[in-house]
Amino acid sequence: MTDGYVDIYLLPVPEDNMEAYREQASAFGAVVKEYGGLRYREFRGDDLGEAFGAEEGVLTAAIAEFESREHRDVVMEKVMDDPRVKELLAGEELADMSRMRFGGFEALVDH
């Protein structure tokens, strides 16, 4: 097994909320990095074909990178306890969070 661990989040976001979501995601990512996350990136879906209906919004994917699962657990506990993140989560819901899919992944191949 290779080193590394990532959390991947998939969330459809209404097009009208995309800019506000980008700002919110950027703020969240900055906190992840502040507490030791190696990298945080967000992507906007493109060329998804029929796999995802446009009526549900634009599919976004976030990837948070960590050294290991243990490292992720330590970092994310701090992130979720941070008052800035609590404020983000208590703010306006820019997407239907019940549609979010997420999970942690151990690296399998890394070139």
C-alpha atoms as a PDB file:
ATOM      1  CA  MET A   1       0.000   0.000   0.000  1.00  0.00           C
ATOM      2  CA  THR A   2       1.229   3.486  -0.792  1.00  0.00           C
ATOM      3  CA  ASP A   3       1.234   6.491   1.546  1.00  0.00           C
ATOM      4  CA  GLY A   4      -1.535   9.039   1.702  1.00  0.00           C
ATOM      5  CA  TYR A   5      -5.179   9.436   2.565  1.00  0.00           C
ATOM      6  CA  VAL A   6      -7.892  11.637   1.091  1.00  0.00           C
ATOM      7  CA  ASP A   7     -11.423  12.628   1.919  1.00  0.00           C
ATOM      8  CA  ILE A   8     -13.583  13.026  -1.188  1.00  0.00           C
ATOM      9  CA  TYR A   9     -16.863  14.951  -1.088  1.00  0.00           C
ATOM     10  CA  LEU A  10     -19.389  15.046  -3.939  1.00  0.00           C
ATOM     11  CA  LEU A  11     -22.178  17.627  -3.841  1.00  0.00           C
ATOM     12  CA  PRO A  12     -24.555  19.036  -6.460  1.00  0.00           C
ATOM     13  CA  VAL A  13     -24.724  22.824  -6.129  1.00  0.00           C
ATOM     14  CA  PRO A  14     -27.324  25.009  -7.885  1.00  0.00           C
ATOM     15  CA  GLU A  15     -25.666  27.122 -10.578  1.00  0.00           C
ATOM     16  CA  ASP A  16     -27.039  30.313  -9.000  1.00  0.00           C
ATOM     17  CA  ASN A  17     -25.166  29.507  -5.760  1.00  0.00           C
ATOM     18  CA  MET A  18     -21.868  28.500  -7.348  1.00  0.00           C
ATOM     19  CA  GLU A  19     -19.911  31.682  -6.573  1.00  0.00           C
ATOM     20  CA  ALA A  20     -21.076  31.793  -2.941  1.00  0.00           C
ATOM     21  CA  TYR A  21     -20.297  28.076  -2.640  1.00  0.00           C
ATOM     22  CA  ARG A  22     -16.791  28.641  -4.064  1.00  0.00           C
ATOM     23  CA  GLU A  23     -16.162  31.288  -1.409  1.00  0.00           C
ATOM     24  CA  GLN A  24     -17.491  29.026   1.343  1.00  0.00           C
ATOM     25  CA  ALA A  25     -15.393  26.089   0.116  1.00  0.00           C
ATOM     26  CA  SER A  26     -12.307  28.292  -0.061  1.00  0.00           C
ATOM     27  CA  ALA A  27     -12.792  29.381   3.553  1.00  0.00           C
ATOM     28  CA  PHE A  28     -13.280  25.762   4.658  1.00  0.00           C
ATOM     29  CA  GLY A  29     -10.182  24.657   2.745  1.00  0.00           C
ATOM     30  CA  ALA A  30      -8.077  27.382   4.363  1.00  0.00           C
ATOM     31  CA  VAL A  31      -9.036  26.053   7.811  1.00  0.00           C
ATOM     32  CA  VAL A  32      -8.179  22.485   6.750  1.00  0.00           C
ATOM     33  CA  LYS A  33      -4.730  23.669   5.648  1.00  0.00           C
ATOM     34  CA  GLU A  34      -4.267  25.752   8.804  1.00  0.00           C
ATOM     35  CA  TYR A  35      -4.740  22.646  10.957  1.00  0.00           C
ATOM     36  CA  GLY A  36      -2.312  20.524   8.950  1.00  0.00           C
ATOM     37  CA  GLY A  37      -4.173  19.194   5.917  1.00  0.00           C
ATOM     38  CA  LEU A  38      -1.685  18.750   3.076  1.00  0.00           C
ATOM     39  CA  ARG A  39      -3.918  20.106   0.317  1.00  0.00           C
ATOM     40  CA  TYR A  40      -7.558  21.020  -0.268  1.00  0.00           C
ATOM     41  CA  ARG A  41      -9.061  21.354  -3.734  1.00  0.00           C
ATOM     42  CA  GLU A  42     -12.563  21.792  -5.146  1.00  0.00           C
ATOM     43  CA  PHE A  43     -13.605  20.887  -8.657  1.00  0.00           C
ATOM     44  CA  ARG A  44     -16.604  21.789 -10.776  1.00  0.00           C
ATOM     45  CA  GLY A  45     -18.047  18.921 -12.817  1.00  0.00           C
ATOM     46  CA  ASP A  46     -17.669  19.031 -16.569  1.00  0.00           C
ATOM     47  CA  ASP A  47     -18.385  16.476 -19.290  1.00  0.00           C
ATOM     48  CA  LEU A  48     -20.383  14.228 -16.961  1.00  0.00           C
ATOM     49  CA  GLY A  49     -22.752  12.922 -19.621  1.00  0.00           C
ATOM     50  CA  GLU A  50     -25.919  11.248 -18.404  1.00  0.00           C
ATOM     51  CA  ALA A  51     -24.387  10.178 -15.099  1.00  0.00           C
ATOM     52  CA  PHE A  52     -25.635  13.308 -13.410  1.00  0.00           C
ATOM     53  CA  GLY A  53     -28.754  15.305 -14.227  1.00  0.00           C
ATOM     54  CA  ALA A  54     -28.346  19.064 -14.744  1.00  0.00           C
ATOM     55  CA  GLU A  55     -31.615  19.671 -12.892  1.00  0.00           C
ATOM     56  CA  GLU A  56     -29.826  18.644  -9.688  1.00  0.00           C
ATOM     57  CA  GLY A  57     -27.189  21.359 -10.039  1.00  0.00           C
ATOM     58  CA  VAL A  58     -23.518  21.384 -10.896  1.00  0.00           C
ATOM     59  CA  LEU A  59     -21.667  18.441  -9.403  1.00  0.00           C
ATOM     60  CA  THR A  60     -18.731  19.573  -7.284  1.00  0.00           C
ATOM     61  CA  ALA A  61     -15.963  17.383  -5.930  1.00  0.00           C
ATOM     62  CA  ALA A  62     -13.693  18.304  -3.052  1.00  0.00           C
ATOM     63  CA  ILE A  63     -10.488  16.473  -2.194  1.00  0.00           C
ATOM     64  CA  ALA A  64      -8.745  16.992   1.134  1.00  0.00           C
ATOM     65  CA  GLU A  65      -5.327  15.334   1.348  1.00  0.00           C
ATOM     66  CA  PHE A  66      -3.670  13.971   4.494  1.00  0.00           C
ATOM     67  CA  GLU A  67      -0.648  11.906   5.485  1.00  0.00           C
ATOM     68  CA  SER A  68      -2.762   9.041   6.829  1.00  0.00           C
ATOM     69  CA  ARG A  69      -6.196   8.235   8.210  1.00  0.00           C
ATOM     70  CA  GLU A  70      -4.916   9.008  11.690  1.00  0.00           C
ATOM     71  CA  HIS A  71      -3.641  12.393  10.491  1.00  0.00           C
ATOM     72  CA  ARG A  72      -7.031  13.064   8.871  1.00  0.00           C
ATOM     73  CA  ASP A  73      -8.857  12.235  12.089  1.00  0.00           C
ATOM     74  CA  VAL A  74      -6.719  14.654  14.125  1.00  0.00           C
ATOM     75  CA  VAL A  75      -6.952  17.477  11.565  1.00  0.00           C
ATOM     76  CA  MET A  76     -10.674  17.144  10.905  1.00  0.00           C
ATOM     77  CA  GLU A  77     -11.549  17.052  14.609  1.00  0.00           C
ATOM     78  CA  LYS A  78      -9.849  20.438  14.970  1.00  0.00           C
ATOM     79  CA  VAL A  79     -11.467  21.735  11.783  1.00  0.00           C
ATOM     80  CA  MET A  80     -14.984  20.770  12.854  1.00  0.00           C
ATOM     81  CA  ASP A  81     -14.445  22.369  16.296  1.00  0.00           C
ATOM     82  CA  ASP A  82     -13.202  25.639  14.780  1.00  0.00           C
ATOM     83  CA  PRO A  83     -15.668  28.549  15.289  1.00  0.00           C
ATOM     84  CA  ARG A  84     -15.205  29.685  11.674  1.00  0.00           C
ATOM     85  CA  VAL A  85     -16.328  26.305  10.364  1.00  0.00           C
ATOM     86  CA  LYS A  86     -19.228  26.181  12.819  1.00  0.00           C
ATOM     87  CA  GLU A  87     -20.308  29.576  11.487  1.00  0.00           C
ATOM     88  CA  LEU A  88     -20.060  28.344   7.878  1.00  0.00           C
ATOM     89  CA  LEU A  89     -22.180  25.302   8.700  1.00  0.00           C
ATOM     90  CA  ALA A  90     -24.777  27.419  10.519  1.00  0.00           C
ATOM     91  CA  GLY A  91     -25.017  29.897   7.631  1.00  0.00           C
ATOM     92  CA  GLU A  92     -27.121  29.813   4.505  1.00  0.00           C
ATOM     93  CA  GLU A  93     -27.360  26.333   3.000  1.00  0.00           C
ATOM     94  CA  LEU A  94     -26.159  26.808  -0.571  1.00  0.00           C
ATOM     95  CA  ALA A  95     -26.910  23.224  -1.596  1.00  0.00           C
ATOM     96  CA  ASP A  96     -29.017  20.339  -0.366  1.00  0.00           C
ATOM     97  CA  MET A  97     -26.510  18.810   2.058  1.00  0.00           C
ATOM     98  CA  SER A  98     -28.535  15.591   2.234  1.00  0.00           C
ATOM     99  CA  ARG A  99     -27.305  14.984  -1.340  1.00  0.00           C
ATOM    100  CA  MET A 100     -23.638  15.099  -0.307  1.00  0.00           C
ATOM    101  CA  ARG A 101     -21.717  11.867  -0.640  1.00  0.00           C
ATOM    102  CA  PHE A 102     -18.340  11.531   1.004  1.00  0.00           C
ATOM    103  CA  GLY A 103     -15.784   9.108   2.316  1.00  0.00           C
ATOM    104  CA  GLY A 104     -12.157   8.568   3.173  1.00  0.00           C
ATOM    105  CA  PHE A 105      -9.819   6.770   0.814  1.00  0.00           C
ATOM    106  CA  GLU A 106      -6.406   5.212   1.358  1.00  0.00           C
ATOM    107  CA  ALA A 107      -4.013   5.633  -1.559  1.00  0.00           C
ATOM    108  CA  LEU A 108      -3.821   2.593  -3.816  1.00  0.00           C
ATOM    109  CA  VAL A 109      -1.643   3.848  -6.697  1.00  0.00           C
ATOM    110  CA  ASP A 110       0.474   7.021  -6.704  1.00  0.00           C
ATOM    111  CA  HIS A 111       2.819   7.882  -9.589  1.00  0.00           C
END
